[in-house]
N, C-alpha and C. Protein backbone atom coordinates (compact mmCIF):
# COMPACT_ATOMS: atom_id res chain seq x y z
N MET A 1 -86.67 53.64 88.82
CA MET A 1 -85.92 52.90 87.81
C MET A 1 -85.94 51.42 88.18
N ARG A 2 -86.27 50.60 87.23
CA ARG A 2 -86.27 49.15 87.48
C ARG A 2 -84.86 48.69 87.83
N SER A 3 -84.77 47.60 88.59
CA SER A 3 -83.46 47.12 89.02
C SER A 3 -82.56 46.76 87.84
N ALA A 4 -83.12 46.23 86.75
CA ALA A 4 -82.30 45.88 85.58
C ALA A 4 -81.63 47.12 85.00
N LYS A 5 -82.39 48.19 84.83
CA LYS A 5 -81.82 49.43 84.29
C LYS A 5 -80.81 50.03 85.26
N LEU A 6 -81.12 49.95 86.54
CA LEU A 6 -80.22 50.49 87.54
C LEU A 6 -78.89 49.72 87.54
N VAL A 7 -78.95 48.42 87.47
CA VAL A 7 -77.74 47.61 87.46
C VAL A 7 -76.89 47.93 86.24
N LEU A 8 -77.50 48.04 85.07
CA LEU A 8 -76.74 48.38 83.86
C LEU A 8 -76.13 49.77 83.98
N ALA A 9 -76.88 50.71 84.54
CA ALA A 9 -76.36 52.07 84.72
C ALA A 9 -75.16 52.05 85.68
N LEU A 10 -75.26 51.30 86.77
CA LEU A 10 -74.16 51.20 87.73
C LEU A 10 -72.91 50.59 87.09
N LEU A 11 -73.09 49.49 86.35
CA LEU A 11 -71.95 48.83 85.70
C LEU A 11 -71.26 49.78 84.72
N ASP A 12 -72.06 50.48 83.93
CA ASP A 12 -71.48 51.38 82.93
C ASP A 12 -70.84 52.61 83.55
N GLU A 13 -71.47 53.17 84.58
CA GLU A 13 -70.88 54.33 85.23
C GLU A 13 -69.58 53.95 85.94
N ALA A 14 -69.56 52.82 86.59
CA ALA A 14 -68.36 52.38 87.29
C ALA A 14 -67.20 52.13 86.33
N TYR A 15 -67.54 51.74 85.11
CA TYR A 15 -66.49 51.45 84.13
C TYR A 15 -66.16 52.65 83.24
N GLU A 16 -67.19 53.31 82.65
CA GLU A 16 -66.84 54.29 81.63
C GLU A 16 -67.74 55.51 81.49
N LYS A 17 -68.92 55.52 82.06
CA LYS A 17 -69.83 56.66 81.89
C LYS A 17 -69.46 57.79 82.84
N LYS A 18 -69.94 58.97 82.50
CA LYS A 18 -69.66 60.16 83.32
C LYS A 18 -70.13 59.93 84.75
N THR A 19 -69.29 60.33 85.69
CA THR A 19 -69.59 60.13 87.11
C THR A 19 -69.56 61.46 87.85
N TRP A 20 -70.16 61.51 89.01
CA TRP A 20 -70.10 62.70 89.85
C TRP A 20 -68.99 62.59 90.87
N HIS A 21 -68.53 61.39 91.14
CA HIS A 21 -67.63 61.13 92.27
C HIS A 21 -66.15 61.18 91.91
N GLY A 22 -65.83 61.25 90.64
CA GLY A 22 -64.43 61.22 90.23
C GLY A 22 -64.24 60.17 89.16
N PRO A 23 -63.01 59.83 88.86
CA PRO A 23 -62.74 58.91 87.76
C PRO A 23 -63.32 57.51 87.98
N ASN A 24 -63.87 56.97 86.91
CA ASN A 24 -64.29 55.57 86.93
C ASN A 24 -63.07 54.73 86.52
N LEU A 25 -63.26 53.45 86.33
CA LEU A 25 -62.11 52.57 86.06
C LEU A 25 -61.40 52.95 84.76
N LYS A 26 -62.14 53.16 83.70
CA LYS A 26 -61.52 53.50 82.42
C LYS A 26 -60.81 54.85 82.49
N GLN A 27 -61.43 55.81 83.14
CA GLN A 27 -60.79 57.13 83.30
C GLN A 27 -59.54 57.04 84.17
N SER A 28 -59.53 56.14 85.13
CA SER A 28 -58.39 56.05 86.04
C SER A 28 -57.11 55.60 85.34
N ILE A 29 -57.24 54.86 84.23
CA ILE A 29 -56.04 54.40 83.50
C ILE A 29 -55.72 55.27 82.29
N LYS A 30 -56.60 56.22 82.00
CA LYS A 30 -56.39 57.09 80.84
C LYS A 30 -55.08 57.88 81.01
N GLY A 31 -54.26 57.86 79.98
CA GLY A 31 -53.01 58.61 79.99
C GLY A 31 -51.87 57.93 80.74
N VAL A 32 -52.11 56.77 81.31
CA VAL A 32 -51.06 56.04 82.04
C VAL A 32 -50.17 55.33 81.02
N THR A 33 -48.87 55.50 81.15
CA THR A 33 -47.93 54.82 80.27
C THR A 33 -47.63 53.43 80.81
N ALA A 34 -47.02 52.60 80.00
CA ALA A 34 -46.64 51.26 80.44
C ALA A 34 -45.69 51.34 81.63
N LYS A 35 -44.76 52.26 81.58
CA LYS A 35 -43.80 52.41 82.68
C LYS A 35 -44.53 52.80 83.97
N GLN A 36 -45.48 53.71 83.88
CA GLN A 36 -46.25 54.10 85.06
C GLN A 36 -47.11 52.93 85.55
N ALA A 37 -47.72 52.20 84.62
CA ALA A 37 -48.58 51.07 84.98
C ALA A 37 -47.80 49.97 85.69
N ALA A 38 -46.50 49.88 85.41
CA ALA A 38 -45.65 48.84 86.01
C ALA A 38 -45.03 49.26 87.35
N TRP A 39 -45.12 50.54 87.70
CA TRP A 39 -44.52 51.04 88.93
C TRP A 39 -45.19 50.43 90.16
N ARG A 40 -44.37 50.05 91.13
CA ARG A 40 -44.87 49.49 92.39
C ARG A 40 -44.49 50.42 93.55
N PRO A 41 -45.40 50.59 94.50
CA PRO A 41 -45.06 51.44 95.65
C PRO A 41 -43.95 50.82 96.50
N ARG A 42 -43.82 49.50 96.43
CA ARG A 42 -42.70 48.78 97.04
C ARG A 42 -42.76 47.34 96.55
N PRO A 43 -41.67 46.62 96.68
CA PRO A 43 -41.67 45.22 96.20
C PRO A 43 -42.81 44.40 96.83
N GLY A 44 -43.39 43.56 96.03
CA GLY A 44 -44.46 42.69 96.51
C GLY A 44 -45.84 43.32 96.49
N ARG A 45 -45.94 44.59 96.14
CA ARG A 45 -47.24 45.27 96.06
C ARG A 45 -47.72 45.27 94.62
N HIS A 46 -49.02 45.31 94.42
CA HIS A 46 -49.57 45.34 93.07
C HIS A 46 -49.35 46.69 92.42
N ASN A 47 -49.24 46.66 91.10
CA ASN A 47 -49.12 47.89 90.33
C ASN A 47 -50.44 48.14 89.59
N ILE A 48 -50.52 49.27 88.90
CA ILE A 48 -51.73 49.64 88.16
C ILE A 48 -52.10 48.57 87.15
N TRP A 49 -51.12 48.07 86.44
CA TRP A 49 -51.34 47.08 85.40
C TRP A 49 -52.02 45.83 85.98
N GLU A 50 -51.51 45.36 87.10
CA GLU A 50 -52.07 44.17 87.73
C GLU A 50 -53.48 44.41 88.27
N VAL A 51 -53.70 45.58 88.83
CA VAL A 51 -55.03 45.92 89.35
C VAL A 51 -56.04 45.98 88.20
N MET A 52 -55.63 46.55 87.08
CA MET A 52 -56.51 46.64 85.92
C MET A 52 -56.88 45.24 85.40
N LEU A 53 -55.90 44.36 85.30
CA LEU A 53 -56.19 42.99 84.84
C LEU A 53 -57.03 42.22 85.85
N HIS A 54 -56.84 42.50 87.11
CA HIS A 54 -57.67 41.90 88.16
C HIS A 54 -59.15 42.27 87.92
N ALA A 55 -59.40 43.53 87.59
CA ALA A 55 -60.77 43.97 87.30
C ALA A 55 -61.31 43.26 86.06
N ALA A 56 -60.48 43.10 85.04
CA ALA A 56 -60.89 42.39 83.83
C ALA A 56 -61.24 40.94 84.16
N TYR A 57 -60.43 40.32 85.00
CA TYR A 57 -60.67 38.92 85.37
C TYR A 57 -62.03 38.75 86.05
N TRP A 58 -62.38 39.65 86.97
CA TRP A 58 -63.64 39.49 87.68
C TRP A 58 -64.84 39.81 86.81
N LYS A 59 -64.67 40.64 85.79
CA LYS A 59 -65.74 40.82 84.80
C LYS A 59 -65.96 39.50 84.07
N TYR A 60 -64.87 38.87 83.69
CA TYR A 60 -64.94 37.56 83.04
C TYR A 60 -65.60 36.53 83.96
N ALA A 61 -65.17 36.50 85.24
CA ALA A 61 -65.67 35.48 86.17
C ALA A 61 -67.19 35.59 86.35
N LEU A 62 -67.69 36.79 86.45
CA LEU A 62 -69.13 36.96 86.61
C LEU A 62 -69.85 36.62 85.30
N ARG A 63 -69.29 37.02 84.18
CA ARG A 63 -69.89 36.66 82.89
C ARG A 63 -69.93 35.14 82.72
N ARG A 64 -68.85 34.48 83.13
CA ARG A 64 -68.80 33.01 83.04
C ARG A 64 -69.92 32.39 83.88
N ARG A 65 -70.16 32.93 85.06
CA ARG A 65 -71.26 32.43 85.91
C ARG A 65 -72.61 32.64 85.21
N ILE A 66 -72.77 33.79 84.61
CA ILE A 66 -74.04 34.10 83.93
C ILE A 66 -74.26 33.17 82.75
N GLU A 67 -73.24 32.98 81.95
CA GLU A 67 -73.35 32.20 80.72
C GLU A 67 -73.15 30.70 80.92
N GLY A 68 -72.67 30.32 82.09
CA GLY A 68 -72.41 28.90 82.34
C GLY A 68 -71.15 28.41 81.65
N GLY A 69 -70.19 29.29 81.49
CA GLY A 69 -68.94 28.92 80.82
C GLY A 69 -68.06 28.01 81.65
N LYS A 70 -67.05 27.50 80.99
CA LYS A 70 -66.11 26.57 81.62
C LYS A 70 -65.10 27.34 82.48
N ARG A 71 -64.84 26.84 83.68
CA ARG A 71 -63.81 27.43 84.54
C ARG A 71 -62.47 27.34 83.83
N GLY A 72 -61.64 28.34 84.04
CA GLY A 72 -60.32 28.33 83.45
C GLY A 72 -60.30 28.75 81.99
N SER A 73 -61.37 29.37 81.53
CA SER A 73 -61.44 29.78 80.13
C SER A 73 -61.03 31.23 79.90
N PHE A 74 -60.52 31.89 80.95
CA PHE A 74 -60.03 33.26 80.78
C PHE A 74 -58.85 33.24 79.82
N VAL A 75 -58.70 34.29 79.07
CA VAL A 75 -57.67 34.35 78.03
C VAL A 75 -56.24 34.28 78.61
N LEU A 76 -56.07 34.68 79.86
CA LEU A 76 -54.75 34.62 80.52
C LEU A 76 -54.71 33.41 81.44
N GLN A 77 -53.53 32.83 81.61
CA GLN A 77 -53.35 31.70 82.53
C GLN A 77 -53.43 32.20 83.96
N GLY A 78 -54.17 31.48 84.78
CA GLY A 78 -54.26 31.84 86.18
C GLY A 78 -55.60 32.44 86.52
N SER A 79 -55.64 33.09 87.68
CA SER A 79 -56.87 33.73 88.12
C SER A 79 -56.55 34.86 89.09
N ASN A 80 -57.48 35.77 89.21
CA ASN A 80 -57.46 36.87 90.16
C ASN A 80 -56.42 37.95 89.84
N PHE A 81 -55.16 37.72 90.14
CA PHE A 81 -54.10 38.70 89.83
C PHE A 81 -53.09 38.06 88.88
N PHE A 82 -52.58 38.86 87.97
CA PHE A 82 -51.65 38.40 86.95
C PHE A 82 -50.41 39.30 87.00
N ALA A 83 -49.25 38.68 87.14
CA ALA A 83 -48.00 39.44 87.25
C ALA A 83 -47.76 40.21 85.95
N ARG A 84 -47.59 41.49 86.08
CA ARG A 84 -47.31 42.36 84.94
C ARG A 84 -46.31 43.41 85.34
N PRO A 85 -45.47 43.84 84.43
CA PRO A 85 -45.37 43.37 83.06
C PRO A 85 -44.69 42.00 83.01
N GLU A 86 -44.99 41.25 81.97
CA GLU A 86 -44.31 39.99 81.78
C GLU A 86 -42.86 40.28 81.41
N LYS A 87 -41.98 39.35 81.70
CA LYS A 87 -40.56 39.53 81.43
C LYS A 87 -40.34 39.93 79.97
N GLY A 88 -39.62 41.01 79.78
CA GLY A 88 -39.29 41.51 78.45
C GLY A 88 -40.44 42.22 77.75
N LYS A 89 -41.55 42.47 78.47
CA LYS A 89 -42.70 43.10 77.83
C LYS A 89 -43.14 44.39 78.51
N LEU A 90 -42.19 45.14 79.03
CA LEU A 90 -42.51 46.45 79.58
C LEU A 90 -42.51 47.43 78.42
N ASN A 91 -43.61 47.41 77.67
CA ASN A 91 -43.72 48.29 76.51
C ASN A 91 -45.18 48.70 76.31
N GLU A 92 -45.36 49.72 75.50
CA GLU A 92 -46.70 50.26 75.27
C GLU A 92 -47.61 49.26 74.57
N ALA A 93 -47.06 48.43 73.69
CA ALA A 93 -47.89 47.45 72.97
C ALA A 93 -48.50 46.44 73.94
N ALA A 94 -47.72 45.96 74.89
CA ALA A 94 -48.23 44.98 75.86
C ALA A 94 -49.27 45.64 76.78
N TRP A 95 -48.99 46.85 77.21
CA TRP A 95 -49.93 47.60 78.06
C TRP A 95 -51.23 47.85 77.30
N SER A 96 -51.13 48.26 76.06
CA SER A 96 -52.31 48.52 75.23
C SER A 96 -53.13 47.25 75.03
N ALA A 97 -52.47 46.13 74.80
CA ALA A 97 -53.17 44.86 74.60
C ALA A 97 -53.97 44.49 75.85
N ASP A 98 -53.39 44.71 77.03
CA ASP A 98 -54.10 44.37 78.25
C ASP A 98 -55.24 45.35 78.53
N LYS A 99 -55.09 46.61 78.14
CA LYS A 99 -56.21 47.56 78.27
C LYS A 99 -57.36 47.14 77.34
N LYS A 100 -57.02 46.64 76.17
CA LYS A 100 -58.05 46.16 75.24
C LYS A 100 -58.76 44.94 75.80
N LEU A 101 -58.03 44.10 76.53
CA LEU A 101 -58.65 42.95 77.18
C LEU A 101 -59.70 43.41 78.19
N LEU A 102 -59.37 44.41 78.99
CA LEU A 102 -60.34 44.97 79.93
C LEU A 102 -61.58 45.45 79.18
N GLU A 103 -61.38 46.17 78.11
CA GLU A 103 -62.50 46.70 77.31
C GLU A 103 -63.37 45.55 76.77
N ARG A 104 -62.74 44.53 76.21
CA ARG A 104 -63.49 43.38 75.67
C ARG A 104 -64.30 42.68 76.76
N GLU A 105 -63.67 42.50 77.92
CA GLU A 105 -64.38 41.83 79.01
C GLU A 105 -65.57 42.65 79.49
N HIS A 106 -65.41 43.97 79.52
CA HIS A 106 -66.55 44.80 79.94
C HIS A 106 -67.68 44.70 78.92
N ARG A 107 -67.35 44.78 77.64
CA ARG A 107 -68.37 44.69 76.57
C ARG A 107 -69.09 43.33 76.63
N ALA A 108 -68.32 42.26 76.78
CA ALA A 108 -68.91 40.92 76.83
C ALA A 108 -69.81 40.77 78.05
N LEU A 109 -69.38 41.31 79.19
CA LEU A 109 -70.20 41.26 80.39
C LEU A 109 -71.49 42.04 80.18
N HIS A 110 -71.39 43.21 79.59
CA HIS A 110 -72.57 44.05 79.35
C HIS A 110 -73.61 43.29 78.52
N VAL A 111 -73.17 42.63 77.47
CA VAL A 111 -74.08 41.85 76.62
C VAL A 111 -74.73 40.73 77.43
N ALA A 112 -73.94 40.01 78.21
CA ALA A 112 -74.46 38.90 79.02
C ALA A 112 -75.47 39.41 80.05
N VAL A 113 -75.17 40.55 80.66
CA VAL A 113 -76.06 41.11 81.68
C VAL A 113 -77.38 41.54 81.04
N CYS A 114 -77.32 42.17 79.88
CA CYS A 114 -78.55 42.57 79.18
C CYS A 114 -79.45 41.36 78.93
N LYS A 115 -78.85 40.25 78.54
CA LYS A 115 -79.63 39.04 78.27
C LYS A 115 -80.21 38.44 79.55
N VAL A 116 -79.37 38.28 80.56
CA VAL A 116 -79.82 37.58 81.77
C VAL A 116 -80.84 38.41 82.55
N LEU A 117 -80.77 39.72 82.47
CA LEU A 117 -81.72 40.55 83.22
C LEU A 117 -83.13 40.49 82.63
N ARG A 118 -83.26 39.93 81.45
CA ARG A 118 -84.59 39.73 80.86
C ARG A 118 -85.20 38.40 81.27
N THR A 119 -84.51 37.66 82.14
CA THR A 119 -84.98 36.36 82.57
C THR A 119 -85.23 36.38 84.09
N PRO A 120 -85.99 35.42 84.59
CA PRO A 120 -86.20 35.34 86.04
C PRO A 120 -84.89 35.17 86.82
N ARG A 121 -83.92 34.52 86.23
CA ARG A 121 -82.62 34.31 86.87
C ARG A 121 -81.88 35.63 87.14
N GLY A 122 -82.15 36.62 86.33
CA GLY A 122 -81.46 37.91 86.44
C GLY A 122 -81.61 38.55 87.80
N GLU A 123 -82.79 38.46 88.39
CA GLU A 123 -83.04 39.08 89.70
C GLU A 123 -82.13 38.48 90.76
N LYS A 124 -81.81 37.20 90.64
CA LYS A 124 -80.93 36.53 91.61
C LYS A 124 -79.48 37.00 91.50
N LEU A 125 -79.14 37.60 90.38
CA LEU A 125 -77.75 38.04 90.15
C LEU A 125 -77.53 39.52 90.45
N VAL A 126 -78.57 40.24 90.78
CA VAL A 126 -78.48 41.69 90.95
C VAL A 126 -77.40 42.08 91.96
N ARG A 127 -77.34 41.42 93.11
CA ARG A 127 -76.32 41.78 94.12
C ARG A 127 -74.91 41.58 93.60
N GLN A 128 -74.67 40.49 92.87
CA GLN A 128 -73.34 40.27 92.30
C GLN A 128 -73.01 41.33 91.26
N LEU A 129 -74.00 41.74 90.51
CA LEU A 129 -73.78 42.73 89.46
C LEU A 129 -73.45 44.10 90.04
N TYR A 130 -74.22 44.54 91.03
CA TYR A 130 -73.85 45.84 91.58
C TYR A 130 -72.58 45.72 92.42
N GLY A 131 -72.31 44.56 92.94
CA GLY A 131 -71.03 44.34 93.62
C GLY A 131 -69.86 44.50 92.67
N LEU A 132 -70.02 44.04 91.44
CA LEU A 132 -68.96 44.21 90.44
C LEU A 132 -68.77 45.68 90.10
N ALA A 133 -69.85 46.44 90.05
CA ALA A 133 -69.72 47.88 89.81
C ALA A 133 -68.93 48.52 90.94
N PHE A 134 -69.24 48.15 92.18
CA PHE A 134 -68.49 48.68 93.33
C PHE A 134 -67.02 48.28 93.26
N HIS A 135 -66.77 47.07 92.77
CA HIS A 135 -65.41 46.58 92.60
C HIS A 135 -64.63 47.47 91.63
N ASP A 136 -65.25 47.83 90.52
CA ASP A 136 -64.60 48.73 89.56
C ASP A 136 -64.27 50.08 90.20
N ILE A 137 -65.22 50.63 90.94
CA ILE A 137 -65.00 51.94 91.58
C ILE A 137 -63.89 51.85 92.63
N TYR A 138 -63.90 50.79 93.42
CA TYR A 138 -62.85 50.60 94.41
C TYR A 138 -61.48 50.61 93.75
N HIS A 139 -61.34 49.84 92.69
CA HIS A 139 -60.04 49.75 92.04
C HIS A 139 -59.70 51.01 91.24
N ALA A 140 -60.69 51.73 90.78
CA ALA A 140 -60.42 53.03 90.14
C ALA A 140 -59.77 53.95 91.16
N GLY A 141 -60.29 53.97 92.38
CA GLY A 141 -59.70 54.78 93.44
C GLY A 141 -58.31 54.31 93.81
N GLN A 142 -58.11 53.01 93.84
CA GLN A 142 -56.80 52.45 94.14
C GLN A 142 -55.79 52.87 93.07
N ILE A 143 -56.19 52.82 91.82
CA ILE A 143 -55.31 53.22 90.72
C ILE A 143 -54.98 54.71 90.83
N ARG A 144 -55.96 55.52 91.15
CA ARG A 144 -55.70 56.97 91.31
C ARG A 144 -54.70 57.21 92.44
N LEU A 145 -54.83 56.45 93.52
CA LEU A 145 -53.88 56.58 94.63
C LEU A 145 -52.48 56.17 94.18
N LEU A 146 -52.36 55.07 93.46
CA LEU A 146 -51.04 54.65 92.95
C LEU A 146 -50.45 55.73 92.05
N ARG A 147 -51.28 56.35 91.24
CA ARG A 147 -50.78 57.43 90.37
C ARG A 147 -50.24 58.59 91.21
N ARG A 148 -50.94 58.92 92.27
CA ARG A 148 -50.47 60.02 93.13
C ARG A 148 -49.19 59.66 93.87
N LEU A 149 -49.08 58.40 94.29
CA LEU A 149 -47.90 57.97 95.03
C LEU A 149 -46.63 58.01 94.18
N MET A 150 -46.76 57.84 92.88
CA MET A 150 -45.56 57.83 92.04
C MET A 150 -45.10 59.24 91.66
N GLU A 151 -45.89 60.24 92.01
CA GLU A 151 -45.50 61.62 91.70
C GLU A 151 -44.30 62.02 92.57
N PRO A 152 -43.41 62.83 92.00
CA PRO A 152 -42.24 63.27 92.79
C PRO A 152 -42.61 64.20 93.93
């Protein structure tokens, strides 16, 4: 398999395609309620919601590098981790909106990757691209662990 096809397969499997290893990122948040997404194992620790947005941010960051976008153009203020839920927004609508943000960022990244891999520059980005796939899988596992920790 050519590296371009392999990279796209890795990105998609890490995010949403059927896997052999367990849940991917999208599967890891499936069925999670806003209340569960906001649960913290202890004060000062990240919750599922924040980890999910962190993954969305890094999809954006790599897409921005590929497309040459302006720094600070992410739809949310800040970078890397975003405090969630926002004050007064511990509800399903806010959680759903942020899940849609993750989906949009993955789709936009996929389009950018398809384009750049057809150019000589694409080969230089392969390590970052499969690194992002590993990032999704890492955080999928982290989310599954958080889900288990909140069980009685």
